[in-house]
């Protein structure tokens, strides 16, 4: 058995075919983060992507994991904007993550490792929920599965949409548009939100806005960027940019105009997107890890993602454990926003 690192743009047809085949066999990997299209877009617009390719004794590809070399670290592809991470492999097979510690790689840190990789258990330091919406059957189907809070908020969103229409103009929702100006506004509003909350600015790094532009232009039926917008008259109230693969949409960069916060436009946008799910061929919207109140209210279920560090250094693992513990304490502390802001700034370092 061998594990080798190959630059994404040097992968051959055999490796890419194996990627698609292994992913198709494993229903746990239906998130667009595991589609090679995501790695391709990241590689073309940002830090180079390298792929760990694991072959069995017969030379057949049995697992792949895309990431970025950062000195002696191997980070998951798309870090720190990857809400699901892990190897692409067939169900029931194993992959020892220590195989990644080769070719100068001394550690593999992860913060959204898809739960279920038993071989990673010794290096898991914590787990957090990653909520989702089952949107099978559109709005009616969702309401049949939603909590009372979710139903109430969707009802309020309908009434507030009517109010916005009276005050601002006709409500217009576009589920999937290619609109460079609207995408630029998404980035602008998201950066303002980062500043207001003290979170690290994802778009401060060059290439990340370009990544969204590249994904928006990707129109593959099996993988694409999705930009959704909600207007009242000429005013953009809310928008969202995410990715989809098959029947799964990943809720990635939702924004709303704070000037209209009283209308809760984010809920209005989410309601429209749930309603449009059947026409879009969607059955699930992944909201991503986070304890945001709207996620707790809206979700119909959740999975778990793990945080940890694969390393042969016990000292390094203990230091990472102490860091995770300190950040968890900061987030839950009664000291409030100051410590939570600190946790946001250091969460992805």
Protein backbone atom coordinates (compact mmCIF):
# COMPACT_ATOMS: atom_id res chain seq x y z
CA UNK A 1 0.00 0.00 0.00
CA UNK A 2 1.25 3.49 -0.84
CA UNK A 3 0.21 7.08 -0.15
CA UNK A 4 1.58 9.78 -2.45
CA UNK A 5 0.93 13.51 -2.79
CA UNK A 6 -0.01 14.78 -6.24
CA UNK A 7 -0.73 18.39 -7.25
CA UNK A 8 -4.40 18.69 -8.18
CA UNK A 9 -3.64 19.76 -11.74
CA UNK A 10 -1.38 16.72 -12.17
CA UNK A 11 -4.09 14.20 -11.34
CA UNK A 12 -4.77 11.83 -14.19
CA UNK A 13 -8.01 10.40 -15.50
CA UNK A 14 -7.59 7.30 -13.32
CA UNK A 15 -7.37 9.34 -10.10
CA UNK A 16 -10.29 11.61 -11.02
CA UNK A 17 -12.44 8.65 -12.09
CA UNK A 18 -11.66 6.94 -8.78
CA UNK A 19 -12.62 10.15 -6.94
CA UNK A 20 -16.03 10.24 -8.60
CA UNK A 21 -16.57 6.50 -8.20
CA UNK A 22 -15.64 6.33 -4.51
CA UNK A 23 -17.75 9.38 -3.69
CA UNK A 24 -20.76 8.01 -5.56
CA UNK A 25 -20.58 4.81 -3.54
CA UNK A 26 -20.57 6.63 -0.20
CA UNK A 27 -23.79 8.53 0.65
CA UNK A 28 -22.02 10.27 3.55
CA UNK A 29 -19.98 12.20 0.99
CA UNK A 30 -22.86 13.89 -0.83
CA UNK A 31 -21.79 17.38 0.33
CA UNK A 32 -20.35 19.54 -2.48
CA UNK A 33 -17.18 19.91 -0.40
CA UNK A 34 -16.27 16.34 -1.38
CA UNK A 35 -16.78 16.90 -5.10
CA UNK A 36 -13.55 17.34 -7.08
CA UNK A 37 -15.11 20.49 -8.57
CA UNK A 38 -14.61 22.24 -5.24
CA UNK A 39 -10.93 21.31 -5.07
CA UNK A 40 -10.52 22.37 -8.71
CA UNK A 41 -12.01 25.82 -8.06
CA UNK A 42 -9.91 26.33 -4.93
CA UNK A 43 -6.75 25.26 -6.74
CA UNK A 44 -7.44 27.67 -9.62
CA UNK A 45 -8.13 30.69 -7.41
CA UNK A 46 -6.10 30.32 -4.24
CA UNK A 47 -3.42 28.27 -2.51
CA UNK A 48 -2.35 25.20 -4.50
CA UNK A 49 -4.23 22.01 -3.74
CA UNK A 50 -2.34 18.78 -3.25
CA UNK A 51 -4.10 15.43 -3.08
CA UNK A 52 -3.05 12.49 -0.95
CA UNK A 53 -3.75 9.43 -3.11
CA UNK A 54 -3.81 6.08 -1.32
CA UNK A 55 -3.46 2.89 -3.34
CA UNK A 56 -3.83 -0.70 -2.26
CA UNK A 57 -1.42 -3.54 -2.98
CA UNK A 58 -2.88 -3.91 -6.48
CA UNK A 59 -2.28 -0.24 -7.25
CA UNK A 60 -5.96 0.70 -7.20
CA UNK A 61 -6.96 4.04 -5.67
CA UNK A 62 -8.90 3.41 -2.44
CA UNK A 63 -8.87 6.84 -0.82
CA UNK A 64 -8.13 10.48 -1.66
CA UNK A 65 -7.82 13.56 0.52
CA UNK A 66 -7.33 17.05 -0.87
CA UNK A 67 -5.53 19.71 1.12
CA UNK A 68 -3.01 22.53 1.27
CA UNK A 69 0.60 22.29 2.34
CA UNK A 70 1.41 24.95 4.93
CA UNK A 71 4.98 24.30 5.97
CA UNK A 72 4.90 20.99 7.84
CA UNK A 73 1.09 21.11 8.08
CA UNK A 74 -1.45 19.64 5.70
CA UNK A 75 -4.70 21.59 5.97
CA UNK A 76 -8.07 20.44 4.54
CA UNK A 77 -8.87 21.75 1.08
CA UNK A 78 -10.62 25.11 1.23
CA UNK A 79 -9.46 25.82 4.78
CA UNK A 80 -10.65 27.84 6.65
CA UNK A 81 -13.87 27.88 4.65
CA UNK A 82 -14.47 24.12 4.45
CA UNK A 83 -17.48 23.08 6.51
CA UNK A 84 -17.00 19.37 5.80
CA UNK A 85 -13.62 17.62 5.65
CA UNK A 86 -12.24 14.13 5.34
CA UNK A 87 -11.06 11.47 2.92
CA UNK A 88 -13.04 10.30 -0.08
CA UNK A 89 -13.37 6.53 0.27
CA UNK A 90 -15.93 3.77 -0.16
CA UNK A 91 -18.25 2.95 2.75
CA UNK A 92 -16.97 0.28 5.08
CA UNK A 93 -13.34 0.88 4.18
CA UNK A 94 -10.70 2.37 6.44
CA UNK A 95 -8.07 5.05 6.12
CA UNK A 96 -5.44 5.55 8.79
CA UNK A 97 -4.85 9.33 8.90
CA UNK A 98 -1.27 8.76 9.98
CA UNK A 99 -0.65 7.87 6.33
CA UNK A 100 -0.87 11.63 5.69
CA UNK A 101 2.25 12.18 7.79
CA UNK A 102 4.72 11.61 5.00
CA UNK A 103 6.77 13.69 2.59
CA UNK A 104 7.54 16.32 5.24
CA UNK A 105 3.99 16.55 6.63
CA UNK A 106 4.12 16.44 10.44
CA UNK A 107 0.50 17.27 11.31
CA UNK A 108 -3.01 17.34 9.85
CA UNK A 109 -5.27 19.75 11.79
CA UNK A 110 -9.01 19.47 11.16
CA UNK A 111 -12.00 21.41 12.44
CA UNK A 112 -14.94 19.99 10.43
CA UNK A 113 -14.03 16.33 10.01
CA UNK A 114 -17.10 14.38 8.97
CA UNK A 115 -18.01 12.06 11.82
CA UNK A 116 -17.76 8.36 11.15
CA UNK A 117 -14.05 7.95 10.35
CA UNK A 118 -13.23 5.51 13.14
CA UNK A 119 -9.50 5.57 12.35
CA UNK A 120 -9.36 9.28 13.30
CA UNK A 121 -10.79 8.73 16.78
CA UNK A 122 -7.44 8.90 18.66
CA UNK A 123 -6.93 12.44 17.37
CA UNK A 124 -10.45 13.82 17.85
CA UNK A 125 -10.49 16.45 20.60
CA UNK A 126 -14.10 17.65 20.38
CA UNK A 127 -17.29 17.40 18.36
CA UNK A 128 -19.88 19.99 17.45
CA UNK A 129 -23.25 19.78 15.71
CA UNK A 130 -23.69 20.72 12.07
CA UNK A 131 -27.43 21.32 11.51
CA UNK A 132 -29.38 20.77 8.32
CA UNK A 133 -32.85 21.22 6.84
CA UNK A 134 -34.65 18.32 5.23
CA UNK A 135 -36.45 20.15 2.41
CA UNK A 136 -37.93 17.13 0.67
CA UNK A 137 -41.36 18.25 -0.53
CA UNK A 138 -40.52 21.94 -0.34
CA UNK A 139 -42.07 24.24 2.24
CA UNK A 140 -44.98 21.93 3.09
CA UNK A 141 -42.62 19.01 3.61
CA UNK A 142 -40.26 21.11 5.71
CA UNK A 143 -43.06 22.46 7.91
CA UNK A 144 -44.18 18.90 8.58
CA UNK A 145 -40.74 18.13 10.03
CA UNK A 146 -39.76 21.47 11.58
CA UNK A 147 -39.83 22.34 15.26
CA UNK A 148 -42.46 24.74 16.57
CA UNK A 149 -39.83 27.46 16.52
CA UNK A 150 -39.00 26.74 12.90
CA UNK A 151 -42.66 26.82 11.90
CA UNK A 152 -43.23 30.06 13.82
CA UNK A 153 -40.27 31.78 12.18
CA UNK A 154 -41.36 30.70 8.71
CA UNK A 155 -44.82 32.08 9.43
CA UNK A 156 -43.32 35.36 10.59
CA UNK A 157 -41.18 35.47 7.46
CA UNK A 158 -44.30 35.25 5.30
CA UNK A 159 -45.93 38.14 7.17
CA UNK A 160 -42.79 40.26 7.09
CA UNK A 161 -42.44 39.67 3.35
CA UNK A 162 -45.95 41.11 2.91
CA UNK A 163 -44.95 44.10 5.07
CA UNK A 164 -41.76 44.64 3.04
CA UNK A 165 -43.78 44.54 -0.19
CA UNK A 166 -46.11 47.25 1.12
CA UNK A 167 -43.26 49.47 2.30
CA UNK A 168 -40.52 48.89 -0.26
CA UNK A 169 -42.03 47.32 -3.35
CA UNK A 170 -42.73 43.95 -4.91
CA UNK A 171 -40.84 40.99 -3.45
CA UNK A 172 -38.61 39.29 -6.02
CA UNK A 173 -36.73 36.09 -5.30
CA UNK A 174 -34.17 34.55 -7.63
CA UNK A 175 -33.06 31.07 -6.61
CA UNK A 176 -29.99 30.70 -8.84
CA UNK A 177 -28.55 33.66 -10.71
CA UNK A 178 -25.23 34.63 -12.25
CA UNK A 179 -24.89 38.25 -11.16
CA UNK A 180 -21.44 39.74 -10.53
CA UNK A 181 -22.82 42.90 -8.87
CA UNK A 182 -24.99 40.92 -6.47
CA UNK A 183 -22.07 38.63 -5.60
CA UNK A 184 -19.87 41.66 -4.90
CA UNK A 185 -22.58 42.93 -2.55
CA UNK A 186 -22.61 39.56 -0.76
CA UNK A 187 -18.87 39.86 -0.13
CA UNK A 188 -19.24 43.50 0.98
CA UNK A 189 -22.00 42.69 3.48
CA UNK A 190 -20.19 39.61 4.75
CA UNK A 191 -17.01 41.58 5.43
CA UNK A 192 -19.02 44.18 7.32
CA UNK A 193 -20.54 41.37 9.39
CA UNK A 194 -17.09 40.01 10.19
CA UNK A 195 -15.99 43.45 11.41
CA UNK A 196 -19.10 43.88 13.53
CA UNK A 197 -18.78 40.48 15.21
CA UNK A 198 -15.01 40.40 15.56
CA UNK A 199 -14.73 37.27 13.42
CA UNK A 200 -11.72 36.68 11.20
CA UNK A 201 -12.33 38.19 7.75
CA UNK A 202 -12.41 35.25 5.36
CA UNK A 203 -12.20 37.57 2.36
CA UNK A 204 -9.11 39.41 3.61
CA UNK A 205 -7.01 36.78 1.86
CA UNK A 206 -6.56 37.31 -1.88
CA UNK A 207 -8.26 34.82 -4.13
CA UNK A 208 -11.24 34.01 -1.92
CA UNK A 209 -13.63 36.42 -3.59
CA UNK A 210 -12.32 35.06 -6.89
CA UNK A 211 -13.19 31.55 -5.66
CA UNK A 212 -16.84 32.56 -5.31
CA UNK A 213 -16.83 34.13 -8.77
CA UNK A 214 -15.32 30.98 -10.24
CA UNK A 215 -17.87 28.79 -8.46
CA UNK A 216 -20.76 31.01 -9.59
CA UNK A 217 -19.65 30.44 -13.16
CA UNK A 218 -19.54 26.66 -12.68
CA UNK A 219 -22.69 25.22 -14.22
CA UNK A 220 -22.04 21.48 -14.05
CA UNK A 221 -25.30 19.62 -13.36
CA UNK A 222 -23.53 17.67 -10.60
CA UNK A 223 -21.66 20.60 -9.04
CA UNK A 224 -22.26 24.34 -9.14
CA UNK A 225 -22.15 27.57 -7.20
CA UNK A 226 -25.58 28.97 -6.31
CA UNK A 227 -26.34 32.66 -5.77
CA UNK A 228 -29.83 33.42 -4.43
CA UNK A 229 -31.17 36.95 -4.02
CA UNK A 230 -34.21 38.55 -2.39
CA UNK A 231 -35.28 42.05 -3.46
CA UNK A 232 -38.10 44.31 -2.32
CA UNK A 233 -38.58 46.70 -5.20
CA UNK A 234 -35.06 47.83 -6.18
CA UNK A 235 -33.61 47.02 -2.76
CA UNK A 236 -31.52 43.91 -2.13
CA UNK A 237 -32.74 42.73 1.27
CA UNK A 238 -30.81 39.48 1.56
CA UNK A 239 -28.70 37.10 -0.48
CA UNK A 240 -26.86 33.85 -0.14
CA UNK A 241 -23.98 32.23 -1.96
CA UNK A 242 -23.42 28.52 -1.58
CA UNK A 243 -22.66 25.35 -3.50
CA UNK A 244 -24.73 22.42 -4.56
CA UNK A 245 -24.06 18.88 -5.60
CA UNK A 246 -26.97 16.69 -6.59
CA UNK A 247 -29.79 17.24 -4.12
CA UNK A 248 -27.62 18.94 -1.47
CA UNK A 249 -27.14 22.69 -1.13
CA UNK A 250 -24.54 23.99 1.31
CA UNK A 251 -25.61 27.23 3.02
CA UNK A 252 -22.25 29.04 2.98
CA UNK A 253 -22.35 32.86 2.87
CA UNK A 254 -25.78 34.22 3.86
CA UNK A 255 -26.08 38.01 4.25
CA UNK A 256 -28.74 40.64 4.75
CA UNK A 257 -28.78 44.41 4.72
CA UNK A 258 -28.64 45.55 8.39
CA UNK A 259 -30.74 48.59 7.49
CA UNK A 260 -33.69 46.21 7.17
CA UNK A 261 -32.85 43.92 10.08
CA UNK A 262 -36.24 44.62 11.68
CA UNK A 263 -37.80 42.60 8.86
CA UNK A 264 -35.59 39.54 9.51
CA UNK A 265 -34.81 39.29 5.77
CA UNK A 266 -32.58 36.26 6.32
CA UNK A 267 -35.60 34.21 7.33
CA UNK A 268 -37.51 35.56 4.34
CA UNK A 269 -34.72 34.39 2.03
CA UNK A 270 -34.50 30.98 3.68
CA UNK A 271 -38.29 30.51 3.37
CA UNK A 272 -38.15 31.29 -0.35
CA UNK A 273 -35.26 28.89 -0.86
CA UNK A 274 -37.06 26.07 0.98
CA UNK A 275 -40.14 26.73 -1.14
CA UNK A 276 -38.04 26.54 -4.31
CA UNK A 277 -36.30 23.32 -3.28
CA UNK A 278 -38.40 20.91 -5.42
CA UNK A 279 -37.88 23.01 -8.55
CA UNK A 280 -34.15 23.09 -7.85
CA UNK A 281 -34.02 19.35 -7.19
CA UNK A 282 -32.93 19.86 -3.58
CA UNK A 283 -33.72 17.55 -0.68
CA UNK A 284 -31.33 18.94 1.95
CA UNK A 285 -29.79 22.26 2.90
CA UNK A 286 -26.69 21.93 5.08
CA UNK A 287 -26.33 24.95 7.36
CA UNK A 288 -22.81 24.20 8.50
CA UNK A 289 -21.36 24.01 12.00
CA UNK A 290 -22.38 26.81 14.33
CA UNK A 291 -24.51 27.71 17.29
CA UNK A 292 -26.32 30.60 15.61
CA UNK A 293 -29.84 30.98 16.95
CA UNK A 294 -31.46 30.82 13.52
CA UNK A 295 -29.76 27.48 12.85
CA UNK A 296 -31.10 26.04 16.08
CA UNK A 297 -34.58 27.25 15.21
CA UNK A 298 -34.58 26.25 11.56
CA UNK A 299 -32.93 22.83 11.63
CA UNK A 300 -34.76 19.55 11.19
CA UNK A 301 -31.71 17.48 12.13
CA UNK A 302 -27.96 17.58 12.58
CA UNK A 303 -24.80 15.56 12.11
CA UNK A 304 -21.54 15.87 13.99
CA UNK A 305 -18.21 17.25 12.82
CA UNK A 306 -15.00 16.73 14.74
CA UNK A 307 -12.08 18.95 15.69
CA UNK A 308 -8.59 17.66 16.34
CA UNK A 309 -5.06 17.13 15.13
CA UNK A 310 -3.36 14.11 13.57
CA UNK A 311 0.25 14.12 14.74
CA UNK A 312 2.88 11.77 16.10
CA UNK A 313 3.84 14.37 18.71
CA UNK A 314 2.07 13.85 22.03
CA UNK A 315 3.16 17.32 23.18
CA UNK A 316 1.65 18.93 20.10
CA UNK A 317 -1.61 17.05 20.62
CA UNK A 318 -1.79 18.12 24.28
CA UNK A 319 -1.22 21.74 23.31
CA UNK A 320 -4.01 21.51 20.74
CA UNK A 321 -6.29 19.98 23.36
CA UNK A 322 -5.58 22.90 25.70
CA UNK A 323 -6.33 25.35 22.89
CA UNK A 324 -9.66 23.69 22.09
CA UNK A 325 -10.59 23.74 25.76
CA UNK A 326 -9.70 27.43 26.10
CA UNK A 327 -11.73 28.40 23.04
CA UNK A 328 -14.74 26.40 24.25
CA UNK A 329 -14.51 28.14 27.63
CA UNK A 330 -14.28 31.54 25.97
CA UNK A 331 -17.35 30.92 23.84
CA UNK A 332 -19.49 29.77 26.76
CA UNK A 333 -18.12 32.22 29.33
CA UNK A 334 -20.36 34.65 31.14
CA UNK A 335 -17.75 37.28 30.29
CA UNK A 336 -19.72 37.57 27.11
CA UNK A 337 -18.99 39.17 23.73
CA UNK A 338 -15.36 40.07 24.42
CA UNK A 339 -14.27 36.47 24.96
CA UNK A 340 -16.55 35.16 22.23
CA UNK A 341 -14.99 37.67 19.82
CA UNK A 342 -11.55 36.44 20.84
CA UNK A 343 -12.65 32.87 20.14
CA UNK A 344 -13.84 33.90 16.68
CA UNK A 345 -10.51 35.55 15.86
CA UNK A 346 -8.45 32.54 16.86
CA UNK A 347 -10.83 29.75 15.86
CA UNK A 348 -9.24 28.99 12.52
CA UNK A 349 -5.57 29.54 13.40
